C-alpha atoms as a PDB file:
ATOM      1  CA  MET A   1    -136.523  92.355  37.115  1.00  0.00           C
ATOM      2  CA  THR A   2    -138.675  89.239  36.796  1.00  0.00           C
ATOM      3  CA  GLU A   3    -137.703  86.502  34.372  1.00  0.00           C
ATOM      4  CA  ASN A   4    -140.704  87.316  32.189  1.00  0.00           C
ATOM      5  CA  ALA A   5    -139.828  91.027  32.119  1.00  0.00           C
ATOM      6  CA  THR A   6    -136.205  90.180  31.296  1.00  0.00           C
ATOM      7  CA  LEU A   7    -137.238  87.965  28.386  1.00  0.00           C
ATOM      8  CA  LYS A   8    -139.620  90.635  27.054  1.00  0.00           C
ATOM      9  CA  ARG A   9    -136.928  93.307  27.321  1.00  0.00           C
ATOM     10  CA  HIS A  10    -134.375  91.214  25.455  1.00  0.00           C
ATOM     11  CA  ALA A  11    -136.881  90.017  22.857  1.00  0.00           C
ATOM     12  CA  ALA A  12    -137.542  93.686  22.073  1.00  0.00           C
ATOM     13  CA  LEU A  13    -133.802  94.396  21.944  1.00  0.00           C
ATOM     14  CA  VAL A  14    -133.238  91.539  19.480  1.00  0.00           C
ATOM     15  CA  ASP A  15    -136.129  92.672  17.291  1.00  0.00           C
ATOM     16  CA  ASN A  16    -135.046  96.320  17.395  1.00  0.00           C
ATOM     17  CA  MET A  17    -131.418  95.445  16.669  1.00  0.00           C
ATOM     18  CA  ALA A  18    -132.500  93.350  13.692  1.00  0.00           C
ATOM     19  CA  ALA A  19    -134.668  96.184  12.397  1.00  0.00           C
ATOM     20  CA  ALA A  20    -131.839  98.700  12.853  1.00  0.00           C
ATOM     21  CA  VAL A  21    -129.604  96.631  10.559  1.00  0.00           C
ATOM     22  CA  GLY A  22    -132.350  95.959   8.022  1.00  0.00           C
ATOM     23  CA  VAL A  23    -133.291  92.424   9.014  1.00  0.00           C
ATOM     24  CA  ASP A  24    -136.988  91.560   9.310  1.00  0.00           C
ATOM     25  CA  LEU A  25    -136.995  88.514  11.584  1.00  0.00           C
ATOM     26  CA  GLU A  26    -140.582  87.608  10.703  1.00  0.00           C
ATOM     27  CA  GLN A  27    -139.810  87.722   6.984  1.00  0.00           C
ATOM     28  CA  LYS A  28    -136.613  85.700   7.458  1.00  0.00           C
ATOM     29  CA  THR A  29    -138.639  83.085   9.337  1.00  0.00           C
ATOM     30  CA  MET A  30    -141.264  82.903   6.578  1.00  0.00           C
ATOM     31  CA  GLU A  31    -138.481  82.539   3.992  1.00  0.00           C
ATOM     32  CA  GLY A  32    -136.963  79.650   5.940  1.00  0.00           C
ATOM     33  CA  HIS A  33    -133.740  81.464   6.818  1.00  0.00           C
ATOM     34  CA  LEU A  34    -134.540  81.392  10.528  1.00  0.00           C
ATOM     35  CA  ASP A  35    -136.720  79.178  12.657  1.00  0.00           C
ATOM     36  CA  PRO A  36    -138.522  80.043  15.891  1.00  0.00           C
ATOM     37  CA  ASP A  37    -135.854  78.197  17.880  1.00  0.00           C
ATOM     38  CA  GLY A  38    -133.244  80.473  16.310  1.00  0.00           C
ATOM     39  CA  ILE A  39    -135.131  83.524  17.525  1.00  0.00           C
ATOM     40  CA  ALA A  40    -135.460  82.028  21.005  1.00  0.00           C
ATOM     41  CA  GLU A  41    -131.719  81.294  21.054  1.00  0.00           C
ATOM     42  CA  ALA A  42    -130.985  84.879  20.003  1.00  0.00           C
ATOM     43  CA  VAL A  43    -133.122  86.203  22.863  1.00  0.00           C
ATOM     44  CA  LEU A  44    -131.360  83.901  25.328  1.00  0.00           C
ATOM     45  CA  ARG A  45    -127.948  85.034  24.030  1.00  0.00           C
ATOM     46  CA  CYS A  46    -129.096  88.605  24.504  1.00  0.00           C
ATOM     47  CA  THR A  47    -130.112  87.946  28.125  1.00  0.00           C
ATOM     48  CA  GLY A  48    -126.457  87.131  28.801  1.00  0.00           C
ATOM     49  CA  CYS A  49    -125.376  90.621  27.783  1.00  0.00           C
ATOM     50  CA  PRO A  50    -123.665  92.396  30.662  1.00  0.00           C
ATOM     51  CA  ASP A  51    -124.831  95.861  29.525  1.00  0.00           C
ATOM     52  CA  PRO A  52    -128.244  95.998  27.827  1.00  0.00           C
ATOM     53  CA  LYS A  53    -128.385  99.751  28.515  1.00  0.00           C
ATOM     54  CA  ALA A  54    -125.473 100.199  26.075  1.00  0.00           C
ATOM     55  CA  CYS A  55    -127.551  98.364  23.481  1.00  0.00           C
ATOM     56  CA  GLU A  56    -130.547 100.574  24.179  1.00  0.00           C
ATOM     57  CA  SER A  57    -128.332 103.659  23.755  1.00  0.00           C
ATOM     58  CA  TRP A  58    -126.870 102.304  20.508  1.00  0.00           C
ATOM     59  CA  LEU A  59    -130.359 101.592  19.211  1.00  0.00           C
ATOM     60  CA  ALA A  60    -131.516 105.115  20.092  1.00  0.00           C
ATOM     61  CA  GLU A  61    -128.588 106.552  18.137  1.00  0.00           C
ATOM     62  CA  ASN A  62    -129.066 104.196  15.169  1.00  0.00           C
ATOM     63  CA  ALA A  63    -132.850 104.028  14.967  1.00  0.00           C
ATOM     64  CA  ALA A  64    -132.763 105.299  11.387  1.00  0.00           C
ATOM     65  CA  GLY A  65    -130.615 102.343  10.396  1.00  0.00           C
ATOM     66  CA  ALA A  66    -127.117 101.011  10.620  1.00  0.00           C
ATOM     67  CA  GLY A  67    -125.021  98.867   8.351  1.00  0.00           C
ATOM     68  CA  ARG A  68    -124.083  96.378  11.015  1.00  0.00           C
ATOM     69  CA  PRO A  69    -124.815  95.661  14.652  1.00  0.00           C
ATOM     70  CA  PRO A  70    -122.211  96.808  17.170  1.00  0.00           C
ATOM     71  CA  HIS A  71    -119.252  94.432  17.514  1.00  0.00           C
ATOM     72  CA  TRP A  72    -120.179  93.616  21.108  1.00  0.00           C
ATOM     73  CA  CYS A  73    -123.683  92.411  20.227  1.00  0.00           C
ATOM     74  CA  ARG A  74    -124.018  88.738  21.102  1.00  0.00           C
ATOM     75  CA  ASN A  75    -126.151  88.278  17.979  1.00  0.00           C
ATOM     76  CA  ALA A  76    -123.936  90.220  15.559  1.00  0.00           C
ATOM     77  CA  ARG A  77    -122.852  87.138  13.587  1.00  0.00           C
ATOM     78  CA  MET A  78    -126.399  85.866  13.203  1.00  0.00           C
ATOM     79  CA  LEU A  79    -127.667  89.286  12.126  1.00  0.00           C
ATOM     80  CA  ASP A  80    -124.788  89.724   9.681  1.00  0.00           C
ATOM     81  CA  ARG A  81    -125.558  86.318   8.101  1.00  0.00           C
ATOM     82  CA  LEU A  82    -129.257  87.115   7.823  1.00  0.00           C
ATOM     83  CA  ALA A  83    -128.549  90.544   6.342  1.00  0.00           C
ATOM     84  CA  ALA A  84    -126.330  88.898   3.732  1.00  0.00           C
ATOM     85  CA  GLY A  85    -129.143  86.500   2.796  1.00  0.00           C
ATOM     86  CA  GLY A  86    -127.843  83.514   4.703  1.00  0.00           C
ATOM     87  CA  HIS A  87    -129.358  81.458   7.451  1.00  0.00           C
ATOM     88  CA  GLY A  88    -129.374  82.528  11.083  1.00  0.00           C
END
């Protein structure tokens, strides 16, 4: 997979994971809880995941919503903070 394709894949995974746990990344950015660098860092953390297919499977099973991201998500802490109203 090319670097560009990898970044697009993981950007979608980060956005979909956030949506699955009720976090609107765009809204959090507009509210000042997250900056664009924070989103970029989340995507880069995601690219280090050894099993993005497991994430895709989890997202397919939890598309209707989940309380929290899976414990193995590299962005779980950030998403939990944002969901609780804190800063990413």
